Structures are given as structure tokens and as C-alpha cells.
N, C-alpha and C. Protein backbone atom coordinates (compact mmCIF):
# COMPACT_ATOMS: atom_id res chain seq x y z
N UNK A 1 115.18 74.55 57.41
CA UNK A 1 114.08 75.22 57.87
C UNK A 1 114.41 76.06 58.93
N UNK A 2 114.12 77.31 59.07
CA UNK A 2 114.47 78.19 60.19
C UNK A 2 113.21 78.45 61.04
N UNK A 3 113.37 78.76 62.28
CA UNK A 3 112.17 79.01 63.29
C UNK A 3 112.53 80.31 63.93
N UNK A 4 111.64 81.13 64.11
CA UNK A 4 111.81 82.30 64.97
C UNK A 4 111.64 82.05 66.27
N UNK A 5 112.62 82.73 67.17
CA UNK A 5 112.33 82.73 68.72
C UNK A 5 112.24 84.12 69.21
N UNK A 6 111.86 84.25 70.47
CA UNK A 6 111.78 85.37 71.12
C UNK A 6 112.79 85.57 72.21
N UNK A 7 113.59 86.52 72.25
CA UNK A 7 114.53 86.63 73.41
C UNK A 7 114.25 87.84 74.18
N UNK A 8 114.43 87.70 75.55
CA UNK A 8 114.30 88.86 76.41
C UNK A 8 115.84 89.16 76.78
N UNK A 9 116.23 90.33 76.51
CA UNK A 9 117.68 90.79 76.89
C UNK A 9 117.61 92.22 77.35
N UNK A 10 118.60 92.71 78.01
CA UNK A 10 118.69 93.99 78.59
C UNK A 10 118.70 94.96 77.35
N UNK A 11 118.11 96.09 77.41
CA UNK A 11 118.13 97.01 76.40
C UNK A 11 119.50 97.46 75.99
N UNK A 12 120.36 97.73 76.99
CA UNK A 12 121.69 98.02 76.73
C UNK A 12 122.49 97.06 75.93
N UNK A 13 122.29 95.77 76.33
CA UNK A 13 123.00 94.67 75.56
C UNK A 13 122.46 94.62 74.13
N UNK A 14 121.24 94.96 73.86
CA UNK A 14 120.67 94.78 72.57
C UNK A 14 121.32 95.95 71.73
N UNK A 15 121.46 97.15 72.42
CA UNK A 15 122.07 98.22 71.63
C UNK A 15 123.44 97.87 71.16
N UNK A 16 124.11 97.39 72.20
CA UNK A 16 125.61 96.92 71.85
C UNK A 16 125.61 95.81 70.73
N UNK A 17 124.58 94.93 70.80
CA UNK A 17 124.55 93.93 69.88
C UNK A 17 124.23 94.46 68.51
N UNK A 18 123.56 95.49 68.50
CA UNK A 18 123.28 96.12 67.10
C UNK A 18 124.57 96.79 66.54
N UNK A 19 125.27 97.53 67.47
CA UNK A 19 126.47 98.05 67.02
C UNK A 19 127.41 96.90 66.38
N UNK A 20 127.60 95.77 67.16
CA UNK A 20 128.48 94.91 66.92
C UNK A 20 128.13 94.20 65.63
N UNK A 21 126.74 93.81 65.46
CA UNK A 21 126.43 93.51 64.15
C UNK A 21 126.62 94.44 62.94
N UNK A 22 126.39 95.71 63.15
CA UNK A 22 126.57 96.60 62.17
C UNK A 22 127.97 96.62 61.69
N UNK A 23 129.06 96.72 62.92
CA UNK A 23 130.40 96.66 62.42
C UNK A 23 130.75 95.36 61.70
N UNK A 24 130.24 94.35 62.03
CA UNK A 24 130.58 93.13 61.31
C UNK A 24 129.84 92.84 59.92
N UNK A 25 128.83 94.05 59.66
CA UNK A 25 128.12 93.72 58.45
C UNK A 25 127.16 92.63 58.51
N UNK A 26 126.63 92.42 59.66
CA UNK A 26 125.77 91.27 59.90
C UNK A 26 124.48 91.70 60.59
N UNK A 27 123.65 90.61 60.90
CA UNK A 27 122.45 90.87 61.85
C UNK A 27 122.59 90.40 63.22
N UNK A 28 121.96 90.74 64.01
CA UNK A 28 121.77 90.30 65.32
C UNK A 28 121.39 88.71 65.28
N UNK A 29 120.64 88.49 64.38
CA UNK A 29 120.05 86.87 64.11
C UNK A 29 121.37 86.04 63.86
N UNK A 30 122.03 86.71 62.82
CA UNK A 30 123.20 85.89 62.38
C UNK A 30 124.28 85.74 63.43
N UNK A 31 124.35 86.90 64.08
CA UNK A 31 125.46 86.81 65.27
C UNK A 31 125.06 85.73 66.34
N UNK A 32 123.75 85.72 66.80
CA UNK A 32 123.21 84.81 67.64
C UNK A 32 123.36 83.43 67.11
N UNK A 33 122.96 83.12 65.93
CA UNK A 33 123.10 81.84 65.13
C UNK A 33 124.69 81.30 65.25
N UNK A 34 125.47 82.33 64.82
CA UNK A 34 127.05 81.80 64.91
C UNK A 34 127.38 81.47 66.19
N UNK A 35 127.11 82.23 67.14
CA UNK A 35 127.62 81.87 68.58
C UNK A 35 126.92 80.61 69.12
N UNK A 36 125.59 80.26 68.91
CA UNK A 36 124.97 79.04 69.20
C UNK A 36 125.61 77.90 68.49
N UNK A 37 125.87 78.10 67.29
CA UNK A 37 126.54 77.03 66.34
C UNK A 37 127.76 76.72 67.03
N UNK A 38 128.52 77.69 67.38
CA UNK A 38 129.91 77.39 67.98
C UNK A 38 129.72 76.63 69.25
N UNK A 39 128.79 77.14 70.15
CA UNK A 39 128.73 76.39 71.44
C UNK A 39 128.29 75.09 71.36
N UNK A 40 127.54 74.78 70.42
CA UNK A 40 127.02 73.46 70.10
C UNK A 40 128.11 72.59 69.66
N UNK A 41 128.78 73.14 68.68
CA UNK A 41 130.07 72.51 68.06
C UNK A 41 131.00 72.07 69.09
N UNK A 42 131.40 73.06 70.01
CA UNK A 42 132.37 72.78 71.11
C UNK A 42 131.95 71.73 72.10
N UNK A 43 130.58 71.79 72.36
CA UNK A 43 129.91 70.87 73.34
C UNK A 43 130.06 69.39 72.63
N UNK A 44 129.90 69.20 71.44
CA UNK A 44 129.93 67.96 70.75
C UNK A 44 131.44 67.50 70.59
N UNK A 45 132.22 68.44 70.42
CA UNK A 45 133.72 68.13 70.34
C UNK A 45 134.17 67.63 71.74
N UNK A 46 133.55 68.40 72.72
CA UNK A 46 134.06 67.84 74.18
C UNK A 46 133.41 66.55 74.56
N UNK A 47 132.28 66.34 74.28
CA UNK A 47 131.70 64.98 74.46
C UNK A 47 132.45 64.06 73.72
N UNK A 48 132.82 64.19 72.44
CA UNK A 48 133.43 63.16 71.64
C UNK A 48 134.83 62.82 72.32
N UNK A 49 135.52 63.83 72.61
CA UNK A 49 136.91 63.65 73.29
C UNK A 49 136.74 63.03 74.50
N UNK A 50 135.72 63.26 75.38
CA UNK A 50 135.62 62.58 76.63
C UNK A 50 135.14 60.97 76.40
N UNK A 51 134.37 60.86 75.31
CA UNK A 51 134.19 59.25 75.11
C UNK A 51 135.49 58.55 74.60
N UNK A 52 136.14 59.15 73.96
CA UNK A 52 137.50 58.67 73.56
C UNK A 52 138.57 58.44 74.68
N UNK A 53 138.54 59.28 75.54
CA UNK A 53 139.37 59.36 76.68
C UNK A 53 138.91 58.24 77.71
N UNK A 54 137.54 58.05 77.85
CA UNK A 54 136.99 57.09 78.65
C UNK A 54 137.30 55.63 78.09
N UNK A 55 137.23 55.55 76.87
CA UNK A 55 137.46 54.25 76.10
C UNK A 55 138.90 53.80 76.41
N UNK A 56 139.81 54.86 76.11
CA UNK A 56 141.16 54.47 76.45
C UNK A 56 141.57 54.13 77.83
N UNK A 57 140.84 54.71 78.73
CA UNK A 57 140.95 54.38 80.27
C UNK A 57 140.51 52.89 80.41
N UNK A 58 139.24 52.54 79.84
CA UNK A 58 138.70 51.31 80.09
C UNK A 58 139.69 50.29 79.51
N UNK A 59 140.27 50.63 78.16
CA UNK A 59 141.21 49.59 77.66
C UNK A 59 142.46 49.53 78.45
N UNK A 60 142.98 50.47 78.99
CA UNK A 60 144.15 50.54 79.81
C UNK A 60 145.42 50.88 78.92
N UNK A 61 146.42 51.05 79.47
CA UNK A 61 147.77 51.32 78.79
C UNK A 61 148.78 50.29 79.18
N UNK A 62 149.66 49.99 78.17
CA UNK A 62 150.63 49.03 78.20
C UNK A 62 151.93 49.81 78.61
N UNK A 63 152.19 49.87 79.94
CA UNK A 63 153.27 50.55 80.42
C UNK A 63 154.55 49.78 80.35
N UNK A 64 154.46 48.45 79.82
CA UNK A 64 155.66 47.54 79.99
C UNK A 64 156.42 47.31 81.39
N UNK A 65 155.42 47.32 82.17
CA UNK A 65 156.00 47.21 83.77
C UNK A 65 156.37 45.87 83.94
N UNK A 66 157.53 45.57 84.50
CA UNK A 66 157.79 44.16 85.08
C UNK A 66 158.08 44.46 86.61
N UNK A 67 157.53 43.44 87.28
CA UNK A 67 157.69 43.58 88.82
C UNK A 67 159.12 43.52 89.20
N UNK A 68 159.45 44.28 90.20
CA UNK A 68 160.94 44.20 90.57
C UNK A 68 161.42 42.93 91.24
N UNK A 69 162.65 42.79 91.14
CA UNK A 69 163.13 41.45 91.64
C UNK A 69 162.86 41.47 93.17
N UNK A 70 162.70 40.19 93.59
CA UNK A 70 162.44 40.09 95.17
C UNK A 70 163.60 40.39 95.91
N UNK A 71 163.41 40.66 97.14
CA UNK A 71 164.63 40.93 97.99
C UNK A 71 165.83 39.94 97.98
N UNK A 72 165.18 38.62 97.97
CA UNK A 72 166.13 37.42 98.12
C UNK A 72 167.09 37.47 96.73
N UNK A 73 166.47 37.62 95.60
CA UNK A 73 167.08 37.72 94.32
C UNK A 73 168.06 38.76 94.29
N UNK A 74 167.77 40.03 94.84
CA UNK A 74 168.70 41.15 94.87
C UNK A 74 169.90 40.95 95.76
N UNK A 75 169.70 40.10 96.84
CA UNK A 75 170.85 39.91 97.73
C UNK A 75 171.46 38.52 97.76
N UNK A 76 171.34 37.89 96.48
CA UNK A 76 171.86 36.52 96.44
C UNK A 76 173.43 36.69 96.50
N UNK A 77 173.89 35.61 97.29
CA UNK A 77 175.37 35.64 97.52
C UNK A 77 176.12 34.66 96.74
């Protein structure tokens, strides 16, 4: 289902948008829809990547770290 919306934009921007839409063989409505869909998709992708990164940070990384030898162990004679 599609819903109509009303936008208030500068008349010069509207003129340029009409030219752009005509060059692409599209309508202003289709251009706006395309860009809004892209913005929403990018936002969702960012949120998903952020959740994955935070989950990895909470889990932690196995760096296979071993504590260094003590001073006494290093200088055993």
C-alpha cells in the first residue's frame, strides 16, 4: 500500500529534481522513494553491524596471552 505525502522544498531544488528524474526516465516520487529506501537499508545495516560488534566485544577475544615469567624466573642462576 502506498501513501501520499506532502513535501516543502525549495523551488530551485524541485526544478533540478525534475531534470534529474527526466534524465533517469523516472519520476520525482520514484527518486525520493529510492533514496529513502537506501537510507533505511543503510541504517539497518549499520545497526546490525553494531549489534554484532558489541556482541563480539562482550564475548571477548582469545588472544592466547600468557603472563610473562617473573623476574626471579628470568634471573635464575
